[in-house]
Protein backbone atom coordinates (compact mmCIF):
# COMPACT_ATOMS: atom_id res chain seq x y z
CA MET A 1 -19.07 9.24 -86.71
CA SER A 2 -20.02 6.76 -84.01
CA LYS A 3 -17.53 4.41 -82.41
CA GLY A 4 -18.19 0.90 -81.22
CA PHE A 5 -21.68 -0.53 -81.00
CA ALA A 6 -23.37 2.58 -79.65
CA THR A 7 -25.91 4.09 -82.00
CA LYS A 8 -26.96 7.06 -79.86
CA ASN A 9 -24.72 9.52 -78.07
CA THR A 10 -27.17 10.34 -75.31
CA ILE A 11 -25.96 10.51 -71.74
CA SER A 12 -28.33 8.80 -69.35
CA LYS A 13 -29.10 10.59 -66.13
CA LYS A 14 -27.90 8.71 -63.09
CA THR A 15 -30.63 8.34 -60.53
CA LYS A 16 -29.87 8.09 -56.87
CA LYS A 17 -31.07 4.76 -55.56
CA SER A 18 -32.42 4.67 -52.07
CA VAL A 19 -31.63 1.60 -50.02
CA ASN A 20 -34.72 0.23 -48.35
CA SER A 21 -33.34 -2.28 -45.91
CA ASN A 22 -33.67 -2.96 -42.23
CA GLU A 23 -29.91 -2.95 -41.76
CA PRO A 24 -28.56 0.08 -39.89
CA GLN A 25 -26.46 2.48 -41.89
CA GLY A 26 -23.37 4.38 -40.78
CA ARG A 27 -20.93 3.36 -38.06
CA LEU A 28 -21.25 1.83 -34.61
CA ILE A 29 -18.76 4.40 -33.30
CA SER A 30 -19.29 7.70 -35.11
CA TRP A 31 -15.60 8.70 -35.29
CA SER A 32 -14.29 5.25 -36.14
CA PRO A 33 -13.86 4.02 -39.73
CA TRP A 34 -14.52 0.47 -38.49
CA PRO A 35 -16.79 -1.44 -37.95
CA PRO A 36 -19.80 -0.62 -40.07
CA ALA A 37 -23.17 -0.57 -38.35
CA ASN A 38 -24.27 -3.81 -40.01
CA PHE A 39 -21.17 -5.70 -38.82
CA GLN A 40 -23.04 -7.62 -36.11
CA THR A 41 -25.70 -8.81 -38.53
CA ARG A 42 -23.20 -9.80 -41.21
CA TYR A 43 -20.77 -11.64 -38.92
CA PRO A 44 -22.69 -12.94 -35.90
CA ALA A 45 -20.01 -15.52 -34.96
CA PHE A 46 -17.16 -12.98 -34.84
CA PRO A 47 -16.95 -12.71 -31.00
CA PHE A 48 -16.89 -16.51 -30.63
CA VAL A 49 -14.26 -17.02 -33.33
CA PHE A 50 -12.11 -14.16 -32.03
CA THR A 51 -12.22 -15.61 -28.51
CA ILE A 52 -11.14 -19.03 -29.80
CA ILE A 53 -8.25 -17.46 -31.72
CA ILE A 54 -7.10 -15.54 -28.63
CA LEU A 55 -7.19 -18.75 -26.55
CA ILE A 56 -5.19 -20.71 -29.12
CA VAL A 57 -2.54 -17.99 -29.48
CA GLY A 58 -2.39 -17.61 -25.68
CA GLN A 59 -1.82 -21.33 -25.19
CA TRP A 60 0.85 -21.31 -27.88
CA TYR A 61 2.59 -18.35 -26.23
CA ILE A 62 2.48 -19.97 -22.77
CA SER A 63 3.92 -23.21 -24.19
CA LEU A 64 6.84 -21.22 -25.63
CA LEU A 65 7.64 -19.76 -22.20
CA ARG A 66 8.06 -23.19 -20.60
């Protein structure tokens, strides 16, 4: 007795797909869980944005001290 819409009860073999890309695999720092090796290609503006955020928070902190 078949259930649902399936007509055959065959289990398909899962094939391992190889990734053929130019992006580096693994981690930038081998023991670190972050960042992945392709982080710099995925987020090229991260250093600039992070620097701007640090400057804004620093100015806000300095203004609180006055």
